[in-house]
Amino acid sequence: MNIERFIEVRKQRGLVQSELAEGICTQATLSRFENNGHVPSLKILIKLCNRLELPLSELFPKVGVKHSKLKELMEEAEFSLILSEYEKAGNLLENIDLTLIDNSELTMRYHYLKAFVMIYNKHSTIDTLYELDQILLDNHINQHELYKLLAYTGSGIIFKQLDELEKAEFYFAKVLDRIYDFPTNHMEEVWRVLHIVFECSKFYAHIDEIDISNALAEHAISICSDNHVTYYLARAAIQLAKNAMTVKESKDTILALIYDARAYSKINRNKIALKELDEMEKYIKNEY
């Protein structure tokens, strides 16, 4: 409760405690409220606010507005993450004060976003694992399984970066067992499932399990199609093109995949993907 606002308005009205309390409550009751945070009954509080011409709502935290603003920042950061705009995502997260978050789901969402920004920017391994542990050790983690899967995915990526592939596969295998039929109830969950599926596809390509990687990339495209989402289409198509290069598919086959990926990237105006595709096309035409 914003007691400071109450005191501020009382002083603006030129009232001392005894004058404000007269006929409503004792001065001691008002003093305990202002000085020690002992809130009187709602009936008394309403009468005090009415005398001050202060809306009662100004004394209570605007939880909905606060969470709405936090969600807006996190949604923008998550969208930047999808578009591989990691610096922008990190800057958005810097505007969030973690101490103001009193919601378990939002707290886990913050740590998931921060951890993946750190992963893609190759920050300290220990610091990044600490962020992921904040999710895995949360008391409410069993109510938010998707964040657990994201934390496992992040851990797998970190061990992949360290070339600890056996440890990385331990985490990706745990994810793979669950993610194929994971239910999604809203678009943000679709984004996260796609994020996980795409990273799994990249990992299995990295360890030359191309069939598994292709199946995952194709599954990502299927999810995009079913949910009318375009943002991961390009990335999944790029992975299919890379896999085709790995197994020495024909030049025409690879170029067709590149052109599909470019079409998806143009829809999303994904400059990073378009640049990568230009480089892939030049390589295939001139050096493959």
C-alpha atoms as a PDB file:
ATOM      1  CA  MET A   1       0.000   0.000   0.000  1.00  0.00           C
ATOM      2  CA  ASN A   2       1.256   3.470  -0.910  1.00  0.00           C
ATOM      3  CA  ILE A   3       1.150   5.092   2.542  1.00  0.00           C
ATOM      4  CA  GLU A   4       3.532   7.823   1.375  1.00  0.00           C
ATOM      5  CA  ARG A   5       0.860   9.003  -1.064  1.00  0.00           C
ATOM      6  CA  PHE A   6      -1.663   9.175   1.786  1.00  0.00           C
ATOM      7  CA  ILE A   7       0.684  11.292   3.924  1.00  0.00           C
ATOM      8  CA  GLU A   8       1.542  13.511   0.952  1.00  0.00           C
ATOM      9  CA  VAL A   9      -2.122  14.316   0.279  1.00  0.00           C
ATOM     10  CA  ARG A  10      -2.873  14.928   3.977  1.00  0.00           C
ATOM     11  CA  LYS A  11      -0.093  17.496   4.116  1.00  0.00           C
ATOM     12  CA  GLN A  12      -1.252  19.061   0.855  1.00  0.00           C
ATOM     13  CA  ARG A  13      -4.683  19.525   2.446  1.00  0.00           C
ATOM     14  CA  GLY A  14      -3.059  21.258   5.437  1.00  0.00           C
ATOM     15  CA  LEU A  15      -4.373  18.730   7.959  1.00  0.00           C
ATOM     16  CA  VAL A  16      -2.553  17.387  10.999  1.00  0.00           C
ATOM     17  CA  GLN A  17      -3.281  13.852  12.122  1.00  0.00           C
ATOM     18  CA  SER A  18      -5.751  14.866  14.840  1.00  0.00           C
ATOM     19  CA  GLU A  19      -7.798  16.967  12.397  1.00  0.00           C
ATOM     20  CA  LEU A  20      -8.006  14.212   9.819  1.00  0.00           C
ATOM     21  CA  ALA A  21      -8.870  11.546  12.401  1.00  0.00           C
ATOM     22  CA  GLU A  22     -11.589  13.580  14.171  1.00  0.00           C
ATOM     23  CA  GLY A  23     -14.909  11.726  14.165  1.00  0.00           C
ATOM     24  CA  ILE A  24     -13.442   8.800  12.189  1.00  0.00           C
ATOM     25  CA  CYS A  25     -10.846   7.095  14.378  1.00  0.00           C
ATOM     26  CA  THR A  26      -8.359   7.872  17.112  1.00  0.00           C
ATOM     27  CA  GLN A  27      -5.206   9.813  16.318  1.00  0.00           C
ATOM     28  CA  ALA A  28      -3.250   6.788  17.560  1.00  0.00           C
ATOM     29  CA  THR A  29      -4.889   4.620  14.898  1.00  0.00           C
ATOM     30  CA  LEU A  30      -3.932   7.104  12.204  1.00  0.00           C
ATOM     31  CA  SER A  31      -0.420   7.432  13.599  1.00  0.00           C
ATOM     32  CA  ARG A  32       0.098   3.664  13.582  1.00  0.00           C
ATOM     33  CA  PHE A  33      -1.042   3.603   9.951  1.00  0.00           C
ATOM     34  CA  GLU A  34       1.250   6.395   8.776  1.00  0.00           C
ATOM     35  CA  ASN A  35       4.291   5.549  10.899  1.00  0.00           C
ATOM     36  CA  ASN A  36       4.194   1.779  11.262  1.00  0.00           C
ATOM     37  CA  GLY A  37       2.109   0.574   8.329  1.00  0.00           C
ATOM     38  CA  HIS A  38      -0.691  -0.822  10.509  1.00  0.00           C
ATOM     39  CA  VAL A  39      -3.640  -0.559   8.127  1.00  0.00           C
ATOM     40  CA  PRO A  40      -6.989   0.286   9.805  1.00  0.00           C
ATOM     41  CA  SER A  41     -10.259  -1.333   8.793  1.00  0.00           C
ATOM     42  CA  LEU A  42     -11.413  -0.710   5.241  1.00  0.00           C
ATOM     43  CA  LYS A  43     -14.390   1.272   6.560  1.00  0.00           C
ATOM     44  CA  ILE A  44     -12.062   3.699   8.400  1.00  0.00           C
ATOM     45  CA  LEU A  45      -9.672   3.885   5.473  1.00  0.00           C
ATOM     46  CA  ILE A  46     -12.484   4.807   3.080  1.00  0.00           C
ATOM     47  CA  LYS A  47     -13.691   7.585   5.383  1.00  0.00           C
ATOM     48  CA  LEU A  48     -10.168   8.987   5.746  1.00  0.00           C
ATOM     49  CA  CYS A  49      -9.657   8.938   1.969  1.00  0.00           C
ATOM     50  CA  ASN A  50     -13.054  10.584   1.381  1.00  0.00           C
ATOM     51  CA  ARG A  51     -12.131  13.416   3.755  1.00  0.00           C
ATOM     52  CA  LEU A  52      -8.892  13.896   1.836  1.00  0.00           C
ATOM     53  CA  GLU A  53     -10.698  13.603  -1.513  1.00  0.00           C
ATOM     54  CA  LEU A  54      -8.180  10.883  -2.321  1.00  0.00           C
ATOM     55  CA  PRO A  55      -9.328   7.919  -4.440  1.00  0.00           C
ATOM     56  CA  LEU A  56      -8.765   4.730  -2.467  1.00  0.00           C
ATOM     57  CA  SER A  57      -7.322   3.102  -5.588  1.00  0.00           C
ATOM     58  CA  GLU A  58      -4.289   5.418  -5.416  1.00  0.00           C
ATOM     59  CA  LEU A  59      -3.164   3.662  -2.251  1.00  0.00           C
ATOM     60  CA  PHE A  60      -3.063   0.204  -3.774  1.00  0.00           C
ATOM     61  CA  PRO A  61      -0.404  -1.086  -6.181  1.00  0.00           C
ATOM     62  CA  LYS A  62      -1.612  -1.233  -9.755  1.00  0.00           C
ATOM     63  CA  VAL A  63      -0.759  -4.891 -10.204  1.00  0.00           C
ATOM     64  CA  GLY A  64      -2.489  -5.227 -13.547  1.00  0.00           C
ATOM     65  CA  VAL A  65      -0.764  -2.202 -15.030  1.00  0.00           C
ATOM     66  CA  LYS A  66       2.611  -3.213 -13.632  1.00  0.00           C
ATOM     67  CA  HIS A  67       2.358  -6.749 -14.986  1.00  0.00           C
ATOM     68  CA  SER A  68       1.014  -5.444 -18.278  1.00  0.00           C
ATOM     69  CA  LYS A  69       4.104  -3.263 -18.724  1.00  0.00           C
ATOM     70  CA  LEU A  70       6.412  -6.118 -17.742  1.00  0.00           C
ATOM     71  CA  LYS A  71       4.708  -8.466 -20.176  1.00  0.00           C
ATOM     72  CA  GLU A  72       4.953  -5.863 -22.919  1.00  0.00           C
ATOM     73  CA  LEU A  73       8.721  -5.533 -22.382  1.00  0.00           C
ATOM     74  CA  MET A  74       9.198  -9.295 -22.212  1.00  0.00           C
ATOM     75  CA  GLU A  75       7.113  -9.915 -25.324  1.00  0.00           C
ATOM     76  CA  GLU A  76       9.209  -7.395 -27.233  1.00  0.00           C
ATOM     77  CA  ALA A  77      12.412  -8.978 -25.899  1.00  0.00           C
ATOM     78  CA  GLU A  78      11.182 -12.471 -26.823  1.00  0.00           C
ATOM     79  CA  PHE A  79      10.262 -11.300 -30.310  1.00  0.00           C
ATOM     80  CA  SER A  80      13.751  -9.786 -30.698  1.00  0.00           C
ATOM     81  CA  LEU A  81      15.184 -13.135 -29.590  1.00  0.00           C
ATOM     82  CA  ILE A  82      13.176 -14.888 -32.321  1.00  0.00           C
ATOM     83  CA  LEU A  83      14.597 -12.472 -34.912  1.00  0.00           C
ATOM     84  CA  SER A  84      18.159 -13.052 -33.590  1.00  0.00           C
ATOM     85  CA  GLU A  85      18.350  -9.406 -32.472  1.00  0.00           C
ATOM     86  CA  TYR A  86      20.150 -10.334 -29.266  1.00  0.00           C
ATOM     87  CA  GLU A  87      21.530  -6.896 -28.428  1.00  0.00           C
ATOM     88  CA  LYS A  88      18.050  -5.365 -28.642  1.00  0.00           C
ATOM     89  CA  ALA A  89      16.597  -8.167 -26.511  1.00  0.00           C
ATOM     90  CA  GLY A  90      19.275  -7.622 -23.882  1.00  0.00           C
ATOM     91  CA  ASN A  91      18.679  -3.861 -23.810  1.00  0.00           C
ATOM     92  CA  LEU A  92      14.945  -4.414 -23.281  1.00  0.00           C
ATOM     93  CA  LEU A  93      15.617  -6.780 -20.386  1.00  0.00           C
ATOM     94  CA  GLU A  94      17.881  -4.168 -18.800  1.00  0.00           C
ATOM     95  CA  ASN A  95      14.757  -2.016 -18.347  1.00  0.00           C
ATOM     96  CA  ILE A  96      13.150  -4.664 -16.121  1.00  0.00           C
ATOM     97  CA  ASP A  97      13.691  -4.522 -12.367  1.00  0.00           C
ATOM     98  CA  LEU A  98      13.564  -8.158 -11.243  1.00  0.00           C
ATOM     99  CA  THR A  99      12.831  -7.126  -7.642  1.00  0.00           C
ATOM    100  CA  LEU A 100       9.476  -5.716  -8.766  1.00  0.00           C
ATOM    101  CA  ILE A 101       8.291  -9.033 -10.208  1.00  0.00           C
ATOM    102  CA  ASP A 102       6.051 -10.878  -7.763  1.00  0.00           C
ATOM    103  CA  ASN A 103       4.702 -13.452 -10.191  1.00  0.00           C
ATOM    104  CA  SER A 104       6.399 -16.851 -10.560  1.00  0.00           C
ATOM    105  CA  GLU A 105       5.605 -17.281 -14.260  1.00  0.00           C
ATOM    106  CA  LEU A 106       6.951 -13.818 -15.108  1.00  0.00           C
ATOM    107  CA  THR A 107      10.072 -14.465 -13.024  1.00  0.00           C
ATOM    108  CA  MET A 108      10.784 -17.683 -14.929  1.00  0.00           C
ATOM    109  CA  ARG A 109      10.092 -15.930 -18.219  1.00  0.00           C
ATOM    110  CA  TYR A 110      12.608 -13.215 -17.319  1.00  0.00           C
ATOM    111  CA  HIS A 111      15.316 -15.771 -16.443  1.00  0.00           C
ATOM    112  CA  TYR A 112      14.635 -17.773 -19.619  1.00  0.00           C
ATOM    113  CA  LEU A 113      14.978 -14.678 -21.805  1.00  0.00           C
ATOM    114  CA  LYS A 114      18.056 -13.396 -19.989  1.00  0.00           C
ATOM    115  CA  ALA A 115      19.733 -16.804 -20.123  1.00  0.00           C
ATOM    116  CA  PHE A 116      19.216 -17.206 -23.873  1.00  0.00           C
ATOM    117  CA  VAL A 117      20.449 -13.679 -24.589  1.00  0.00           C
ATOM    118  CA  MET A 118      23.568 -14.566 -22.572  1.00  0.00           C
ATOM    119  CA  ILE A 119      23.934 -17.885 -24.421  1.00  0.00           C
ATOM    120  CA  TYR A 120      23.767 -16.312 -27.873  1.00  0.00           C
ATOM    121  CA  ASN A 121      26.142 -13.533 -26.837  1.00  0.00           C
ATOM    122  CA  LYS A 122      28.477 -16.173 -25.338  1.00  0.00           C
ATOM    123  CA  HIS A 123      28.545 -14.705 -21.836  1.00  0.00           C
ATOM    124  CA  SER A 124      30.106 -16.455 -18.855  1.00  0.00           C
ATOM    125  CA  THR A 125      29.043 -20.100 -18.651  1.00  0.00           C
ATOM    126  CA  ILE A 126      28.690 -19.976 -14.859  1.00  0.00           C
ATOM    127  CA  ASP A 127      26.519 -16.856 -14.945  1.00  0.00           C
ATOM    128  CA  THR A 128      24.305 -18.311 -17.668  1.00  0.00           C
ATOM    129  CA  LEU A 129      23.854 -21.636 -15.865  1.00  0.00           C
ATOM    130  CA  TYR A 130      22.946 -19.639 -12.763  1.00  0.00           C
ATOM    131  CA  GLU A 131      20.122 -17.953 -14.703  1.00  0.00           C
ATOM    132  CA  LEU A 132      18.858 -21.342 -15.870  1.00  0.00           C
ATOM    133  CA  ASP A 133      19.056 -22.711 -12.322  1.00  0.00           C
ATOM    134  CA  GLN A 134      16.715 -19.932 -11.229  1.00  0.00           C
ATOM    135  CA  ILE A 135      14.106 -21.642 -13.399  1.00  0.00           C
ATOM    136  CA  LEU A 136      14.861 -25.255 -12.511  1.00  0.00           C
ATOM    137  CA  LEU A 137      14.925 -24.527  -8.764  1.00  0.00           C
ATOM    138  CA  ASP A 138      11.772 -22.410  -8.725  1.00  0.00           C
ATOM    139  CA  ASN A 139       9.181 -23.778  -6.301  1.00  0.00           C
ATOM    140  CA  HIS A 140       6.504 -23.584  -9.013  1.00  0.00           C
ATOM    141  CA  ILE A 141       8.485 -25.210 -11.826  1.00  0.00           C
ATOM    142  CA  ASN A 142       6.185 -28.243 -12.029  1.00  0.00           C
ATOM    143  CA  GLN A 143       3.309 -25.919 -12.927  1.00  0.00           C
ATOM    144  CA  HIS A 144       5.320 -24.459 -15.820  1.00  0.00           C
ATOM    145  CA  GLU A 145       6.839 -27.447 -17.639  1.00  0.00           C
ATOM    146  CA  LEU A 146       7.676 -25.491 -20.774  1.00  0.00           C
ATOM    147  CA  TYR A 147      10.128 -23.305 -18.840  1.00  0.00           C
ATOM    148  CA  LYS A 148      11.788 -26.469 -17.541  1.00  0.00           C
ATOM    149  CA  LEU A 149      12.214 -27.675 -21.136  1.00  0.00           C
ATOM    150  CA  LEU A 150      13.618 -24.278 -22.128  1.00  0.00           C
ATOM    151  CA  ALA A 151      16.108 -24.480 -19.245  1.00  0.00           C
ATOM    152  CA  TYR A 152      17.171 -27.975 -20.359  1.00  0.00           C
ATOM    153  CA  THR A 153      17.544 -26.662 -23.918  1.00  0.00           C
ATOM    154  CA  GLY A 154      19.675 -23.753 -22.711  1.00  0.00           C
ATOM    155  CA  SER A 155      21.864 -26.133 -20.696  1.00  0.00           C
ATOM    156  CA  GLY A 156      22.289 -28.332 -23.759  1.00  0.00           C
ATOM    157  CA  ILE A 157      23.363 -25.358 -25.888  1.00  0.00           C
ATOM    158  CA  ILE A 158      25.938 -24.324 -23.273  1.00  0.00           C
ATOM    159  CA  PHE A 159      27.540 -27.780 -23.202  1.00  0.00           C
ATOM    160  CA  LYS A 160      27.466 -27.839 -27.007  1.00  0.00           C
ATOM    161  CA  GLN A 161      29.377 -24.525 -27.001  1.00  0.00           C
ATOM    162  CA  LEU A 162      31.898 -26.121 -24.632  1.00  0.00           C
ATOM    163  CA  ASP A 163      32.171 -29.122 -27.010  1.00  0.00           C
ATOM    164  CA  GLU A 164      30.909 -31.366 -24.199  1.00  0.00           C
ATOM    165  CA  LEU A 165      28.614 -33.162 -26.614  1.00  0.00           C
ATOM    166  CA  GLU A 166      27.734 -36.142 -24.434  1.00  0.00           C
ATOM    167  CA  LYS A 167      26.540 -33.801 -21.680  1.00  0.00           C
ATOM    168  CA  ALA A 168      24.739 -31.648 -24.230  1.00  0.00           C
ATOM    169  CA  GLU A 169      22.911 -34.670 -25.643  1.00  0.00           C
ATOM    170  CA  PHE A 170      21.785 -35.627 -22.118  1.00  0.00           C
ATOM    171  CA  TYR A 171      19.769 -32.388 -21.958  1.00  0.00           C
ATOM    172  CA  PHE A 172      18.533 -32.441 -25.550  1.00  0.00           C
ATOM    173  CA  ALA A 173      17.365 -36.051 -25.162  1.00  0.00           C
ATOM    174  CA  LYS A 174      15.280 -35.056 -22.127  1.00  0.00           C
ATOM    175  CA  VAL A 175      13.672 -32.321 -24.222  1.00  0.00           C
ATOM    176  CA  LEU A 176      13.143 -34.535 -27.263  1.00  0.00           C
ATOM    177  CA  ASP A 177      11.133 -37.039 -25.229  1.00  0.00           C
ATOM    178  CA  ARG A 178       8.538 -34.387 -24.448  1.00  0.00           C
ATOM    179  CA  ILE A 179       8.519 -31.600 -27.008  1.00  0.00           C
ATOM    180  CA  TYR A 180       7.055 -33.440 -30.007  1.00  0.00           C
ATOM    181  CA  ASP A 181       3.538 -33.545 -28.593  1.00  0.00           C
ATOM    182  CA  PHE A 182       3.712 -30.677 -26.136  1.00  0.00           C
ATOM    183  CA  PRO A 183       0.314 -28.909 -25.949  1.00  0.00           C
ATOM    184  CA  THR A 184       0.230 -25.162 -26.629  1.00  0.00           C
ATOM    185  CA  ASN A 185      -2.548 -22.889 -25.395  1.00  0.00           C
ATOM    186  CA  HIS A 186      -1.417 -19.488 -26.666  1.00  0.00           C
ATOM    187  CA  MET A 187       0.951 -17.958 -29.198  1.00  0.00           C
ATOM    188  CA  GLU A 188       3.813 -17.338 -26.748  1.00  0.00           C
ATOM    189  CA  GLU A 189       3.885 -21.066 -26.010  1.00  0.00           C
ATOM    190  CA  VAL A 190       4.005 -21.789 -29.744  1.00  0.00           C
ATOM    191  CA  TRP A 191       7.035 -19.490 -30.024  1.00  0.00           C
ATOM    192  CA  ARG A 192       8.797 -21.322 -27.173  1.00  0.00           C
ATOM    193  CA  VAL A 193       8.056 -24.776 -28.528  1.00  0.00           C
ATOM    194  CA  LEU A 194       9.401 -23.661 -31.910  1.00  0.00           C
ATOM    195  CA  HIS A 195      12.494 -22.244 -30.211  1.00  0.00           C
ATOM    196  CA  ILE A 196      13.149 -25.593 -28.531  1.00  0.00           C
ATOM    197  CA  VAL A 197      12.455 -27.674 -31.663  1.00  0.00           C
ATOM    198  CA  PHE A 198      14.739 -25.457 -33.742  1.00  0.00           C
ATOM    199  CA  GLU A 199      17.615 -25.645 -31.240  1.00  0.00           C
ATOM    200  CA  CYS A 200      17.209 -29.432 -31.059  1.00  0.00           C
ATOM    201  CA  SER A 201      17.396 -29.557 -34.861  1.00  0.00           C
ATOM    202  CA  LYS A 202      20.605 -27.506 -34.820  1.00  0.00           C
ATOM    203  CA  PHE A 203      22.171 -29.738 -32.178  1.00  0.00           C
ATOM    204  CA  TYR A 204      21.428 -33.019 -33.942  1.00  0.00           C
ATOM    205  CA  ALA A 205      22.812 -31.548 -37.159  1.00  0.00           C
ATOM    206  CA  HIS A 206      25.941 -30.608 -35.201  1.00  0.00           C
ATOM    207  CA  ILE A 207      26.491 -34.242 -34.163  1.00  0.00           C
ATOM    208  CA  ASP A 208      25.699 -35.463 -37.711  1.00  0.00           C
ATOM    209  CA  GLU A 209      22.345 -36.981 -36.847  1.00  0.00           C
ATOM    210  CA  ILE A 210      20.924 -35.435 -39.998  1.00  0.00           C
ATOM    211  CA  ASP A 211      17.752 -37.531 -40.186  1.00  0.00           C
ATOM    212  CA  ILE A 212      16.743 -36.450 -36.691  1.00  0.00           C
ATOM    213  CA  SER A 213      17.648 -32.833 -37.465  1.00  0.00           C
ATOM    214  CA  ASN A 214      15.597 -32.862 -40.673  1.00  0.00           C
ATOM    215  CA  ALA A 215      12.605 -34.386 -38.908  1.00  0.00           C
ATOM    216  CA  LEU A 216      12.771 -31.659 -36.253  1.00  0.00           C
ATOM    217  CA  ALA A 217      13.145 -28.854 -38.815  1.00  0.00           C
ATOM    218  CA  GLU A 218      10.190 -30.229 -40.786  1.00  0.00           C
ATOM    219  CA  HIS A 219       8.209 -30.475 -37.537  1.00  0.00           C
ATOM    220  CA  ALA A 220       8.990 -26.795 -36.887  1.00  0.00           C
ATOM    221  CA  ILE A 221       7.674 -25.899 -40.340  1.00  0.00           C
ATOM    222  CA  SER A 222       4.545 -27.937 -39.658  1.00  0.00           C
ATOM    223  CA  ILE A 223       3.967 -26.090 -36.357  1.00  0.00           C
ATOM    224  CA  CYS A 224       4.410 -22.760 -38.160  1.00  0.00           C
ATOM    225  CA  SER A 225       1.891 -23.802 -40.799  1.00  0.00           C
ATOM    226  CA  ASP A 226      -0.667 -25.071 -38.273  1.00  0.00           C
ATOM    227  CA  ASN A 227      -0.448 -21.898 -36.188  1.00  0.00           C
ATOM    228  CA  HIS A 228       0.027 -19.353 -39.004  1.00  0.00           C
ATOM    229  CA  VAL A 229       3.423 -18.342 -37.601  1.00  0.00           C
ATOM    230  CA  THR A 230       6.128 -17.251 -40.035  1.00  0.00           C
ATOM    231  CA  TYR A 231       9.012 -16.259 -37.763  1.00  0.00           C
ATOM    232  CA  TYR A 232      10.629 -19.694 -37.476  1.00  0.00           C
ATOM    233  CA  LEU A 233       9.866 -20.809 -41.028  1.00  0.00           C
ATOM    234  CA  ALA A 234      13.007 -19.188 -42.392  1.00  0.00           C
ATOM    235  CA  ARG A 235      15.264 -20.572 -39.654  1.00  0.00           C
ATOM    236  CA  ALA A 236      13.892 -24.104 -40.060  1.00  0.00           C
ATOM    237  CA  ALA A 237      14.266 -23.868 -43.847  1.00  0.00           C
ATOM    238  CA  ILE A 238      17.846 -22.605 -43.466  1.00  0.00           C
ATOM    239  CA  GLN A 239      18.624 -25.600 -41.242  1.00  0.00           C
ATOM    240  CA  LEU A 240      17.218 -27.953 -43.895  1.00  0.00           C
ATOM    241  CA  ALA A 241      19.460 -26.271 -46.481  1.00  0.00           C
ATOM    242  CA  LYS A 242      22.507 -26.646 -44.234  1.00  0.00           C
ATOM    243  CA  ASN A 243      21.674 -30.300 -43.648  1.00  0.00           C
ATOM    244  CA  ALA A 244      21.360 -30.824 -47.404  1.00  0.00           C
ATOM    245  CA  MET A 245      24.847 -29.358 -47.802  1.00  0.00           C
ATOM    246  CA  THR A 246      26.201 -31.676 -45.108  1.00  0.00           C
ATOM    247  CA  VAL A 247      24.954 -34.805 -46.874  1.00  0.00           C
ATOM    248  CA  LYS A 248      26.042 -33.486 -50.293  1.00  0.00           C
ATOM    249  CA  GLU A 249      22.629 -33.107 -51.899  1.00  0.00           C
ATOM    250  CA  SER A 250      22.560 -31.716 -55.425  1.00  0.00           C
ATOM    251  CA  LYS A 251      23.177 -28.038 -56.047  1.00  0.00           C
ATOM    252  CA  ASP A 252      19.614 -27.599 -57.371  1.00  0.00           C
ATOM    253  CA  THR A 253      18.094 -29.178 -54.259  1.00  0.00           C
ATOM    254  CA  ILE A 254      20.084 -26.930 -51.934  1.00  0.00           C
ATOM    255  CA  LEU A 255      19.348 -23.788 -53.929  1.00  0.00           C
ATOM    256  CA  ALA A 256      15.621 -24.595 -53.867  1.00  0.00           C
ATOM    257  CA  LEU A 257      15.779 -24.810 -50.072  1.00  0.00           C
ATOM    258  CA  ILE A 258      17.714 -21.532 -49.916  1.00  0.00           C
ATOM    259  CA  TYR A 259      15.133 -19.806 -52.100  1.00  0.00           C
ATOM    260  CA  ASP A 260      12.304 -21.094 -49.874  1.00  0.00           C
ATOM    261  CA  ALA A 261      14.105 -19.797 -46.811  1.00  0.00           C
ATOM    262  CA  ARG A 262      14.714 -16.445 -48.495  1.00  0.00           C
ATOM    263  CA  ALA A 263      11.011 -16.061 -49.289  1.00  0.00           C
ATOM    264  CA  TYR A 264      10.146 -16.668 -45.616  1.00  0.00           C
ATOM    265  CA  SER A 265      12.850 -14.256 -44.483  1.00  0.00           C
ATOM    266  CA  LYS A 266      11.554 -11.504 -46.751  1.00  0.00           C
ATOM    267  CA  ILE A 267       8.077 -11.861 -45.255  1.00  0.00           C
ATOM    268  CA  ASN A 268       9.553 -11.294 -41.796  1.00  0.00           C
ATOM    269  CA  ARG A 269      12.110  -8.699 -42.947  1.00  0.00           C
ATOM    270  CA  ASN A 270      14.743 -10.751 -41.179  1.00  0.00           C
ATOM    271  CA  LYS A 271      17.931  -9.021 -42.308  1.00  0.00           C
ATOM    272  CA  ILE A 272      20.206 -11.397 -40.421  1.00  0.00           C
ATOM    273  CA  ALA A 273      18.697 -14.459 -42.126  1.00  0.00           C
ATOM    274  CA  LEU A 274      18.766 -12.776 -45.535  1.00  0.00           C
ATOM    275  CA  LYS A 275      22.469 -11.986 -45.159  1.00  0.00           C
ATOM    276  CA  GLU A 276      23.236 -15.585 -44.183  1.00  0.00           C
ATOM    277  CA  LEU A 277      21.249 -16.887 -47.147  1.00  0.00           C
ATOM    278  CA  ASP A 278      23.105 -14.609 -49.574  1.00  0.00           C
ATOM    279  CA  GLU A 279      26.390 -16.041 -48.312  1.00  0.00           C
ATOM    280  CA  MET A 280      25.084 -19.611 -48.608  1.00  0.00           C
ATOM    281  CA  GLU A 281      23.865 -19.006 -52.159  1.00  0.00           C
ATOM    282  CA  LYS A 282      27.221 -17.571 -53.246  1.00  0.00           C
ATOM    283  CA  TYR A 283      29.027 -20.565 -51.766  1.00  0.00           C
ATOM    284  CA  ILE A 284      26.747 -23.085 -53.488  1.00  0.00           C
ATOM    285  CA  LYS A 285      26.957 -21.355 -56.876  1.00  0.00           C
ATOM    286  CA  ASN A 286      30.687 -20.662 -56.831  1.00  0.00           C
ATOM    287  CA  GLU A 287      32.411 -23.218 -54.602  1.00  0.00           C
ATOM    288  CA  TYR A 288      30.121 -26.218 -53.964  1.00  0.00           C
END
